[in-house]
Amino acid sequence: DQFARLALSGLPPLKEVRIINSEPMRIGGQPGYETRAEGKAPQDGSDVVIVQWLRFGTGAYLRILGLTPKKEWTRNFMRFRAVRDAMEPR
């Protein structure tokens, strides 16, 4: 949890970021971690939602980020998950 929060804090300058969900999970049969957050876009202050997945492997990890306007979250989250699930380690 602490590593995931630290990784999320290194994002470009979003305003008022707050974590709304953070939990361990399995991604493609490997250990992973999902973190969701809300914030404000730096350009215009519009509401955005961020999802970060960390997928842990042997000696490395993969970080996957999705960021979308809040009003388009439901539609885009399904797309983000499809991209996440299509990634395979080499």
C-alpha atoms as a PDB file:
ATOM      1  CA  ASP A   1       0.000   0.000   0.000  1.00  0.00           C
ATOM      2  CA  GLN A   2       2.751   2.435   0.894  1.00  0.00           C
ATOM      3  CA  PHE A   3       4.659   1.737  -2.339  1.00  0.00           C
ATOM      4  CA  ALA A   4       1.491   2.245  -4.418  1.00  0.00           C
ATOM      5  CA  ARG A   5       0.731   5.537  -2.670  1.00  0.00           C
ATOM      6  CA  LEU A   6       4.293   6.720  -3.175  1.00  0.00           C
ATOM      7  CA  ALA A   7       4.167   5.849  -6.881  1.00  0.00           C
ATOM      8  CA  LEU A   8       0.873   7.733  -7.259  1.00  0.00           C
ATOM      9  CA  SER A   9       2.298  10.810  -5.559  1.00  0.00           C
ATOM     10  CA  GLY A  10       4.887  11.111  -8.355  1.00  0.00           C
ATOM     11  CA  LEU A  11       2.283  11.983 -11.006  1.00  0.00           C
ATOM     12  CA  PRO A  12       2.386  15.272 -12.898  1.00  0.00           C
ATOM     13  CA  PRO A  13       0.972  18.215 -10.953  1.00  0.00           C
ATOM     14  CA  LEU A  14      -2.673  17.412 -10.329  1.00  0.00           C
ATOM     15  CA  LYS A  15      -4.548  19.433  -7.733  1.00  0.00           C
ATOM     16  CA  GLU A  16      -6.402  18.162  -4.667  1.00  0.00           C
ATOM     17  CA  VAL A  17      -5.598  14.479  -5.264  1.00  0.00           C
ATOM     18  CA  ARG A  18      -7.217  12.103  -2.808  1.00  0.00           C
ATOM     19  CA  ILE A  19      -7.161   8.327  -2.837  1.00  0.00           C
ATOM     20  CA  ILE A  20     -10.629   6.797  -2.910  1.00  0.00           C
ATOM     21  CA  ASN A  21      -9.698   3.093  -3.132  1.00  0.00           C
ATOM     22  CA  SER A  22      -6.511   1.096  -2.718  1.00  0.00           C
ATOM     23  CA  GLU A  23      -6.311  -2.690  -2.587  1.00  0.00           C
ATOM     24  CA  PRO A  24      -4.165  -5.693  -3.501  1.00  0.00           C
ATOM     25  CA  MET A  25      -5.322  -7.873  -6.384  1.00  0.00           C
ATOM     26  CA  ARG A  26      -4.101 -10.438  -8.920  1.00  0.00           C
ATOM     27  CA  ILE A  27      -3.344  -9.224 -12.430  1.00  0.00           C
ATOM     28  CA  GLY A  28      -2.732 -11.911 -15.018  1.00  0.00           C
ATOM     29  CA  GLY A  29      -2.026 -14.428 -12.260  1.00  0.00           C
ATOM     30  CA  GLN A  30       0.627 -12.208 -10.661  1.00  0.00           C
ATOM     31  CA  PRO A  31       0.423 -10.109  -7.511  1.00  0.00           C
ATOM     32  CA  GLY A  32      -0.724  -6.571  -8.135  1.00  0.00           C
ATOM     33  CA  TYR A  33      -2.190  -3.478  -6.574  1.00  0.00           C
ATOM     34  CA  GLU A  34      -4.963  -1.141  -7.715  1.00  0.00           C
ATOM     35  CA  THR A  35      -5.237   2.451  -6.523  1.00  0.00           C
ATOM     36  CA  ARG A  36      -7.974   4.873  -7.567  1.00  0.00           C
ATOM     37  CA  ALA A  37      -7.888   8.586  -6.887  1.00  0.00           C
ATOM     38  CA  GLU A  38      -9.773  11.751  -7.712  1.00  0.00           C
ATOM     39  CA  GLY A  39      -8.317  15.173  -8.323  1.00  0.00           C
ATOM     40  CA  LYS A  40      -8.478  18.360 -10.345  1.00  0.00           C
ATOM     41  CA  ALA A  41      -6.801  18.938 -13.707  1.00  0.00           C
ATOM     42  CA  PRO A  42      -4.095  21.627 -13.459  1.00  0.00           C
ATOM     43  CA  GLN A  43      -5.205  23.359 -16.675  1.00  0.00           C
ATOM     44  CA  ASP A  44      -8.816  24.149 -15.803  1.00  0.00           C
ATOM     45  CA  GLY A  45      -9.643  22.591 -12.419  1.00  0.00           C
ATOM     46  CA  SER A  46     -12.034  20.029 -13.930  1.00  0.00           C
ATOM     47  CA  ASP A  47     -12.651  16.778 -12.004  1.00  0.00           C
ATOM     48  CA  VAL A  48     -10.525  13.810 -13.067  1.00  0.00           C
ATOM     49  CA  VAL A  49     -10.251  10.192 -11.940  1.00  0.00           C
ATOM     50  CA  ILE A  50      -6.969   8.286 -11.909  1.00  0.00           C
ATOM     51  CA  VAL A  51      -6.419   4.544 -11.728  1.00  0.00           C
ATOM     52  CA  GLN A  52      -2.997   3.010 -11.158  1.00  0.00           C
ATOM     53  CA  TRP A  53      -2.200  -0.671 -11.361  1.00  0.00           C
ATOM     54  CA  LEU A  54       1.094  -2.118 -10.204  1.00  0.00           C
ATOM     55  CA  ARG A  55       1.872  -5.634 -11.402  1.00  0.00           C
ATOM     56  CA  PHE A  56       4.754  -7.307  -9.623  1.00  0.00           C
ATOM     57  CA  GLY A  57       7.015  -9.866 -11.248  1.00  0.00           C
ATOM     58  CA  THR A  58      10.378 -11.411 -10.547  1.00  0.00           C
ATOM     59  CA  GLY A  59      12.720  -8.525  -9.823  1.00  0.00           C
ATOM     60  CA  ALA A  60      10.561  -5.903 -11.561  1.00  0.00           C
ATOM     61  CA  TYR A  61       7.145  -4.311 -11.694  1.00  0.00           C
ATOM     62  CA  LEU A  62       4.887  -2.827 -14.345  1.00  0.00           C
ATOM     63  CA  ARG A  63       3.018   0.419 -13.674  1.00  0.00           C
ATOM     64  CA  ILE A  64      -0.138   1.126 -15.666  1.00  0.00           C
ATOM     65  CA  LEU A  65      -1.918   4.486 -15.366  1.00  0.00           C
ATOM     66  CA  GLY A  66      -5.262   5.701 -16.619  1.00  0.00           C
ATOM     67  CA  LEU A  67      -6.552   9.272 -16.274  1.00  0.00           C
ATOM     68  CA  THR A  68      -9.923  10.504 -17.500  1.00  0.00           C
ATOM     69  CA  PRO A  69     -12.469  13.247 -16.881  1.00  0.00           C
ATOM     70  CA  LYS A  70     -14.788  12.132 -14.074  1.00  0.00           C
ATOM     71  CA  LYS A  71     -17.880  12.333 -16.296  1.00  0.00           C
ATOM     72  CA  GLU A  72     -16.339   9.709 -18.626  1.00  0.00           C
ATOM     73  CA  TRP A  73     -15.009   7.393 -15.896  1.00  0.00           C
ATOM     74  CA  THR A  74     -17.403   4.458 -16.360  1.00  0.00           C
ATOM     75  CA  ARG A  75     -16.841   4.171 -20.111  1.00  0.00           C
ATOM     76  CA  ASN A  76     -13.082   4.691 -19.968  1.00  0.00           C
ATOM     77  CA  PHE A  77     -12.451   2.418 -16.990  1.00  0.00           C
ATOM     78  CA  MET A  78     -13.543  -0.574 -19.065  1.00  0.00           C
ATOM     79  CA  ARG A  79     -11.053   0.461 -21.767  1.00  0.00           C
ATOM     80  CA  PHE A  80      -8.278   0.890 -19.214  1.00  0.00           C
ATOM     81  CA  ARG A  81      -8.939  -2.612 -17.857  1.00  0.00           C
ATOM     82  CA  ALA A  82      -8.844  -4.084 -21.371  1.00  0.00           C
ATOM     83  CA  VAL A  83      -5.418  -2.524 -21.966  1.00  0.00           C
ATOM     84  CA  ARG A  84      -4.182  -3.734 -18.556  1.00  0.00           C
ATOM     85  CA  ASP A  85      -5.393  -7.279 -19.177  1.00  0.00           C
ATOM     86  CA  ALA A  86      -3.864  -7.412 -22.676  1.00  0.00           C
ATOM     87  CA  MET A  87      -0.318  -6.783 -21.381  1.00  0.00           C
ATOM     88  CA  GLU A  88       1.783  -9.903 -21.021  1.00  0.00           C
ATOM     89  CA  PRO A  89       5.254 -10.190 -19.507  1.00  0.00           C
ATOM     90  CA  ARG A  90       8.063 -11.223 -21.856  1.00  0.00           C
END
